[in-house]
Amino acid sequence: MIAFDVEGYSLADEVIAHLDHEPAALRPSTTAVSSERLAAVVRADVARMDDSVGLITYAQSCVINGKTVPHLVIQGQYGPVTILLMPEEKVDEATPLDGNAVHGVILPVGNGSIAIIGPREESLEPIQENVRASLTWTT
C-alpha cells in the first residue's frame, strides 16, 4: 500500500502529488491485471466495476486523504490514464486537476468521487462516461 497524506493540501493537490510518487503506474502496457488482483483492490464491499471501463493494466491500494482507495490505470489513446475510486470523498461539483504533463478531474459520483487523470492530449470525457457507467458503489 502506498500512502501520501499531507495536511493542508486540498484533495486535488493530494491526487496530483500522489501521481508524482507512483511513476510505475504510468507505464504503457497491454497486459491486464489479473481478476484476482482487481478483486483484491476493488473489493466487493466498496464498489463493482464492469468490463466497459477498459483494459485495466494497474491496480493498487493507495492512501489518499487518509483513506485507502483503489488506484487503477487504463490505457488511453495517448497513454496511461489513472482512475482513483474514492467512495468516502464527497465533492459537490467537478474539480479540475492540472499537473505538469497531465490533466484531469475529480467527479462527484453518488456519495463519493472518482479522479480521472491522463496525458494533456488525452480526451477524458469518453473515459469519464465509461467509468461512471461501469461503477456502482456498494459501501
Protein backbone atom coordinates (compact mmCIF):
# COMPACT_ATOMS: atom_id res chain seq x y z
CA MET A 1 0.00 0.00 0.00
CA ILE A 2 1.37 3.39 -0.98
CA ALA A 3 0.45 6.32 1.26
CA PHE A 4 0.50 10.04 0.67
CA ASP A 5 -1.25 12.36 3.07
CA VAL A 6 -0.12 15.93 3.67
CA GLU A 7 -2.08 18.18 5.99
CA GLY A 8 -3.18 21.42 4.34
CA TYR A 9 -3.36 20.00 0.82
CA SER A 10 -6.68 20.04 -0.97
CA LEU A 11 -7.98 16.76 -2.33
CA ALA A 12 -6.99 17.92 -5.84
CA ASP A 13 -3.44 18.76 -4.68
CA GLU A 14 -3.13 15.40 -2.99
CA VAL A 15 -4.31 13.47 -6.06
CA ILE A 16 -1.77 15.21 -8.33
CA ALA A 17 1.03 14.77 -5.77
CA HIS A 18 0.14 11.08 -5.43
CA LEU A 19 0.75 10.52 -9.14
CA ASP A 20 4.23 12.02 -8.79
CA HIS A 21 5.01 9.44 -6.07
CA GLU A 22 3.87 6.44 -8.10
CA PRO A 23 5.57 6.63 -11.53
CA ALA A 24 5.39 2.85 -12.05
CA ALA A 25 1.64 3.21 -12.50
CA LEU A 26 2.12 5.38 -15.57
CA ARG A 27 3.93 2.87 -17.77
CA PRO A 28 2.17 2.00 -21.03
CA SER A 29 1.06 -1.64 -21.05
CA THR A 30 -1.10 -4.08 -22.97
CA THR A 31 -1.28 -6.62 -20.13
CA ALA A 32 -4.39 -6.64 -17.98
CA VAL A 33 -4.14 -7.15 -14.24
CA SER A 34 -5.47 -10.48 -13.08
CA SER A 35 -9.08 -10.70 -11.98
CA GLU A 36 -7.79 -11.78 -8.56
CA ARG A 37 -5.64 -8.65 -8.25
CA LEU A 38 -8.50 -6.42 -9.37
CA ALA A 39 -10.87 -8.07 -6.86
CA ALA A 40 -8.34 -7.55 -4.06
CA VAL A 41 -8.04 -3.82 -4.86
CA VAL A 42 -11.66 -3.05 -5.80
CA ARG A 43 -13.24 -5.03 -3.01
CA ALA A 44 -16.86 -6.10 -3.35
CA ASP A 45 -17.78 -4.16 -0.19
CA VAL A 46 -16.53 -0.93 -1.82
CA ALA A 47 -17.58 -0.99 -5.47
CA ARG A 48 -18.39 -3.07 -8.51
CA MET A 49 -16.97 -2.29 -11.94
CA ASP A 50 -17.94 -3.96 -15.17
CA ASP A 51 -15.69 -4.53 -18.19
CA SER A 52 -16.80 -1.38 -20.04
CA VAL A 53 -14.19 0.68 -18.16
CA GLY A 54 -11.45 -0.59 -20.48
CA LEU A 55 -8.20 -2.55 -20.16
CA ILE A 56 -7.04 -2.20 -16.54
CA THR A 57 -3.25 -2.54 -16.51
CA TYR A 58 -2.53 -1.46 -12.93
CA ALA A 59 -4.37 -1.97 -9.66
CA GLN A 60 -3.01 -0.94 -6.27
CA SER A 61 -4.48 0.08 -2.92
CA CYS A 62 -3.27 3.57 -2.04
CA VAL A 63 -3.98 6.12 0.67
CA ILE A 64 -5.50 9.42 -0.36
CA ASN A 65 -6.57 11.87 2.32
CA GLY A 66 -6.02 9.23 4.99
CA LYS A 67 -8.31 6.66 3.33
CA THR A 68 -7.37 3.52 1.42
CA VAL A 69 -8.69 3.75 -2.14
CA PRO A 70 -8.40 1.71 -5.33
CA HIS A 71 -5.85 3.19 -7.77
CA LEU A 72 -6.42 1.83 -11.27
CA VAL A 73 -4.81 2.59 -14.61
CA ILE A 74 -6.35 2.03 -18.01
CA GLN A 75 -4.69 2.65 -21.36
CA GLY A 76 -5.97 5.72 -23.17
CA GLN A 77 -5.33 6.77 -26.74
CA TYR A 78 -2.23 8.81 -25.76
CA GLY A 79 -1.01 6.90 -22.73
CA PRO A 80 -1.96 5.61 -19.29
CA VAL A 81 -5.00 7.14 -17.57
CA THR A 82 -5.25 6.98 -13.78
CA ILE A 83 -8.55 6.32 -12.02
CA LEU A 84 -8.85 6.76 -8.25
CA LEU A 85 -12.06 5.45 -6.71
CA MET A 86 -12.81 7.48 -3.58
CA PRO A 87 -16.11 6.28 -2.08
CA GLU A 88 -15.66 8.32 1.12
CA GLU A 89 -14.62 11.61 -0.55
CA LYS A 90 -17.79 13.51 -1.38
CA VAL A 91 -17.34 16.51 -3.67
CA ASP A 92 -20.13 18.90 -4.61
CA GLU A 93 -19.03 19.55 -8.17
CA ALA A 94 -16.42 18.57 -10.73
CA THR A 95 -12.95 19.78 -9.69
CA PRO A 96 -10.35 20.25 -12.45
CA LEU A 97 -6.87 18.79 -11.93
CA ASP A 98 -3.82 20.30 -13.57
CA GLY A 99 -0.30 18.88 -13.36
CA ASN A 100 2.89 19.41 -15.32
CA ALA A 101 2.18 16.85 -18.02
CA VAL A 102 -1.33 15.73 -17.03
CA HIS A 103 -4.85 17.00 -16.68
CA GLY A 104 -7.93 15.53 -15.11
CA VAL A 105 -10.97 15.96 -12.95
CA ILE A 106 -12.46 14.80 -9.66
CA LEU A 107 -16.11 13.95 -10.29
CA PRO A 108 -18.92 13.51 -7.80
CA VAL A 109 -20.37 10.01 -8.08
CA GLY A 110 -23.10 9.14 -5.59
CA ASN A 111 -21.79 9.73 -2.07
CA GLY A 112 -18.16 9.52 -3.24
CA SER A 113 -15.98 10.68 -6.08
CA ILE A 114 -13.64 9.47 -8.77
CA ALA A 115 -10.50 11.12 -10.05
CA ILE A 116 -9.52 10.61 -13.68
CA ILE A 117 -6.12 11.89 -14.80
CA GLY A 118 -4.39 11.43 -18.13
CA PRO A 119 -1.87 12.94 -20.54
CA ARG A 120 -2.63 16.51 -21.62
CA GLU A 121 -3.55 15.40 -25.14
CA GLU A 122 -5.99 12.72 -23.91
CA SER A 123 -9.70 13.48 -24.23
CA LEU A 124 -11.03 12.40 -20.85
CA GLU A 125 -14.77 12.89 -21.44
CA PRO A 126 -15.35 9.45 -23.04
CA ILE A 127 -13.34 7.81 -20.27
CA GLN A 128 -15.36 9.68 -17.64
CA GLU A 129 -18.58 8.36 -19.14
CA ASN A 130 -17.23 4.78 -19.30
CA VAL A 131 -16.05 4.91 -15.68
CA ARG A 132 -19.32 6.37 -14.41
CA ALA A 133 -21.33 3.78 -16.36
CA SER A 134 -19.19 0.87 -15.14
CA LEU A 135 -19.06 1.86 -11.44
CA THR A 136 -21.53 1.06 -8.68
CA TRP A 137 -20.64 1.90 -5.07
CA THR A 138 -21.54 -0.89 -2.65
CA THR A 139 -20.47 0.93 0.53
